[in-house]
């Protein structure tokens, strides 16, 4: 069974967080309602350590959702109780300040199973992976979406991305 992300953008206006719908520029996200809404276990691992077969350090362990979420996001949260997991969020400021050029070892590998099939969700031993940067693995769409969000607000601390996962 696969894992998907559900993500939402909120903007703080006059001290209150409001749900915000943006247009996402990228062929990967043309059917997505929120940012980073394509299935990428590398991305999920980076955001919250979810399906982290690559064994990369996440930006942060899941934080839960803040108490002051918008009405729309609160409804989504309540609707997914039981199915949704690893709820978290980042401000745009945090996402912009992250070092995407840091070198990390991508330890995801494919192994042959005992039954002759393949397991593409395996993690190899330390030192057996490939050295890459977050930027290389995240791809163009991720950074296009960060830029879209950056253009939306004057202060990146006034925009946040909330997300959770399901499987």
Protein backbone atom coordinates (compact mmCIF):
# COMPACT_ATOMS: atom_id res chain seq x y z
CA UNK A 1 0.00 0.00 0.00
CA UNK A 2 1.34 3.42 -0.92
CA UNK A 3 1.60 6.52 1.20
CA UNK A 4 0.37 9.96 0.11
CA UNK A 5 0.73 13.47 1.46
CA UNK A 6 -2.10 15.94 2.05
CA UNK A 7 -0.86 19.51 2.25
CA UNK A 8 -2.35 22.94 2.77
CA UNK A 9 -1.16 26.54 2.77
CA UNK A 10 -2.14 29.10 5.36
CA UNK A 11 -1.33 32.80 5.46
CA UNK A 12 -1.36 34.89 8.61
CA UNK A 13 -3.40 38.07 8.15
CA UNK A 14 -4.05 40.42 11.08
CA UNK A 15 -2.80 37.78 13.51
CA UNK A 16 -5.14 35.04 12.24
CA UNK A 17 -4.21 32.08 10.03
CA UNK A 18 -6.35 31.73 6.88
CA UNK A 19 -6.44 28.86 4.39
CA UNK A 20 -5.00 29.92 1.04
CA UNK A 21 -5.36 28.26 -2.37
CA UNK A 22 -2.50 28.82 -4.81
CA UNK A 23 -1.83 27.75 -8.40
CA UNK A 24 1.08 25.30 -8.53
CA UNK A 25 3.45 25.62 -11.50
CA UNK A 26 4.66 22.18 -12.46
CA UNK A 27 3.55 19.17 -14.44
CA UNK A 28 4.06 16.97 -11.34
CA UNK A 29 1.53 18.97 -9.39
CA UNK A 30 -1.14 19.75 -11.99
CA UNK A 31 -3.69 17.57 -10.20
CA UNK A 32 -2.68 18.59 -6.69
CA UNK A 33 -4.57 20.81 -4.32
CA UNK A 34 -1.63 21.60 -2.06
CA UNK A 35 2.12 22.04 -2.28
CA UNK A 36 4.46 19.06 -2.60
CA UNK A 37 1.47 16.80 -3.29
CA UNK A 38 3.14 14.19 -5.43
CA UNK A 39 4.20 10.80 -4.12
CA UNK A 40 7.90 11.01 -3.35
CA UNK A 41 9.27 9.02 -0.47
CA UNK A 42 12.45 11.11 -0.65
CA UNK A 43 10.34 14.22 -0.05
CA UNK A 44 8.31 12.51 2.71
CA UNK A 45 11.55 11.44 4.39
CA UNK A 46 12.96 14.96 4.19
CA UNK A 47 9.80 16.63 5.54
CA UNK A 48 9.02 14.30 8.43
CA UNK A 49 10.97 11.03 8.28
CA UNK A 50 7.99 9.23 6.69
CA UNK A 51 8.79 6.24 4.43
CA UNK A 52 12.41 7.29 4.81
CA UNK A 53 14.00 4.34 3.02
CA UNK A 54 16.85 6.68 2.04
CA UNK A 55 17.64 7.18 5.77
CA UNK A 56 18.20 10.91 5.29
CA UNK A 57 17.97 13.41 8.15
CA UNK A 58 14.53 15.09 8.06
CA UNK A 59 14.15 18.83 8.47
CA UNK A 60 12.26 18.04 11.67
CA UNK A 61 10.44 15.22 13.35
CA UNK A 62 6.64 15.66 13.00
CA UNK A 63 5.38 18.49 15.21
CA UNK A 64 1.65 17.93 15.08
CA UNK A 65 -0.54 20.78 13.92
CA UNK A 66 -0.63 24.13 15.69
CA UNK A 67 -3.69 25.00 17.78
CA UNK A 68 -4.49 28.08 15.68
CA UNK A 69 -5.12 26.36 12.31
CA UNK A 70 -7.72 27.78 9.97
CA UNK A 71 -11.25 26.42 9.92
CA UNK A 72 -10.63 24.62 6.58
CA UNK A 73 -7.51 22.87 7.87
CA UNK A 74 -9.23 21.96 11.13
CA UNK A 75 -11.98 20.24 9.12
CA UNK A 76 -9.36 18.30 7.13
CA UNK A 77 -7.59 17.29 10.33
CA UNK A 78 -10.82 16.11 11.96
CA UNK A 79 -11.85 14.25 8.80
CA UNK A 80 -8.59 12.27 8.73
CA UNK A 81 -8.46 11.21 12.38
CA UNK A 82 -7.56 7.55 12.39
CA UNK A 83 -6.20 7.55 8.83
CA UNK A 84 -3.93 10.59 8.83
CA UNK A 85 -0.55 10.39 10.56
CA UNK A 86 2.63 12.34 11.13
CA UNK A 87 0.88 15.71 11.10
CA UNK A 88 3.34 18.57 10.87
CA UNK A 89 4.01 22.01 9.41
CA UNK A 90 6.76 24.42 8.40
CA UNK A 91 6.74 28.14 7.90
CA UNK A 92 7.96 29.30 4.54
CA UNK A 93 10.80 31.00 6.41
CA UNK A 94 11.97 27.61 7.72
CA UNK A 95 11.73 26.04 4.27
CA UNK A 96 13.66 28.89 2.65
CA UNK A 97 16.40 28.76 5.29
CA UNK A 98 17.00 25.00 5.02
CA UNK A 99 20.34 24.02 3.44
CA UNK A 100 19.26 22.11 0.33
CA UNK A 101 22.87 21.87 -0.84
CA UNK A 102 23.91 19.74 2.14
CA UNK A 103 25.41 16.40 1.14
CA UNK A 104 23.56 13.34 2.46
CA UNK A 105 23.87 9.64 1.84
CA UNK A 106 20.84 8.25 -0.01
CA UNK A 107 20.68 4.68 1.29
CA UNK A 108 17.57 3.55 -0.56
CA UNK A 109 18.24 0.42 -2.58
CA UNK A 110 16.46 -2.41 -4.35
CA UNK A 111 16.94 -5.95 -3.13
CA UNK A 112 15.80 -9.27 -4.49
CA UNK A 113 13.34 -11.00 -2.17
CA UNK A 114 13.31 -14.66 -1.22
CA UNK A 115 10.37 -15.20 -3.59
CA UNK A 116 12.17 -13.84 -6.66
CA UNK A 117 10.58 -10.39 -6.59
CA UNK A 118 12.13 -7.05 -5.75
CA UNK A 119 11.79 -4.77 -2.76
CA UNK A 120 12.38 -1.18 -3.84
CA UNK A 121 11.79 0.12 -0.33
CA UNK A 122 14.94 -1.28 1.21
CA UNK A 123 17.67 0.60 3.04
CA UNK A 124 21.29 -0.40 2.52
CA UNK A 125 24.01 -0.26 5.16
CA UNK A 126 25.75 3.05 5.94
CA UNK A 127 28.50 3.74 3.42
CA UNK A 128 26.76 1.71 0.69
CA UNK A 129 24.51 4.53 -0.55
CA UNK A 130 25.00 7.41 -2.95
CA UNK A 131 26.12 10.88 -1.86
CA UNK A 132 23.65 13.50 -3.13
CA UNK A 133 22.22 16.85 -2.11
CA UNK A 134 18.62 17.49 -1.09
CA UNK A 135 18.39 19.84 -4.09
CA UNK A 136 19.34 17.07 -6.52
CA UNK A 137 16.71 14.67 -5.23
CA UNK A 138 13.87 17.14 -4.69
CA UNK A 139 13.84 18.37 -8.28
CA UNK A 140 12.61 21.48 -10.04
CA UNK A 141 8.95 21.35 -8.98
CA UNK A 142 9.76 21.59 -5.29
CA UNK A 143 11.71 24.81 -5.79
CA UNK A 144 9.13 26.24 -8.20
CA UNK A 145 6.52 25.76 -5.51
CA UNK A 146 8.73 27.43 -2.87
CA UNK A 147 9.08 30.39 -5.23
CA UNK A 148 5.31 30.57 -5.75
CA UNK A 149 4.84 30.73 -1.99
CA UNK A 150 7.64 33.29 -1.59
CA UNK A 151 5.91 35.62 -4.06
CA UNK A 152 2.64 35.33 -2.10
CA UNK A 153 3.76 37.07 1.11
CA UNK A 154 6.10 39.86 2.14
CA UNK A 155 7.22 38.03 5.29
CA UNK A 156 7.93 34.29 4.88
CA UNK A 157 7.09 33.79 8.57
CA UNK A 158 3.46 34.62 7.65
CA UNK A 159 2.98 31.60 5.40
CA UNK A 160 3.02 28.00 6.53
CA UNK A 161 2.56 24.62 4.93
CA UNK A 162 0.60 22.07 6.96
CA UNK A 163 0.65 18.42 5.98
CA UNK A 164 -0.08 14.87 7.02
CA UNK A 165 0.26 11.46 5.43
CA UNK A 166 -2.04 8.50 4.84
CA UNK A 167 -1.61 4.92 3.68
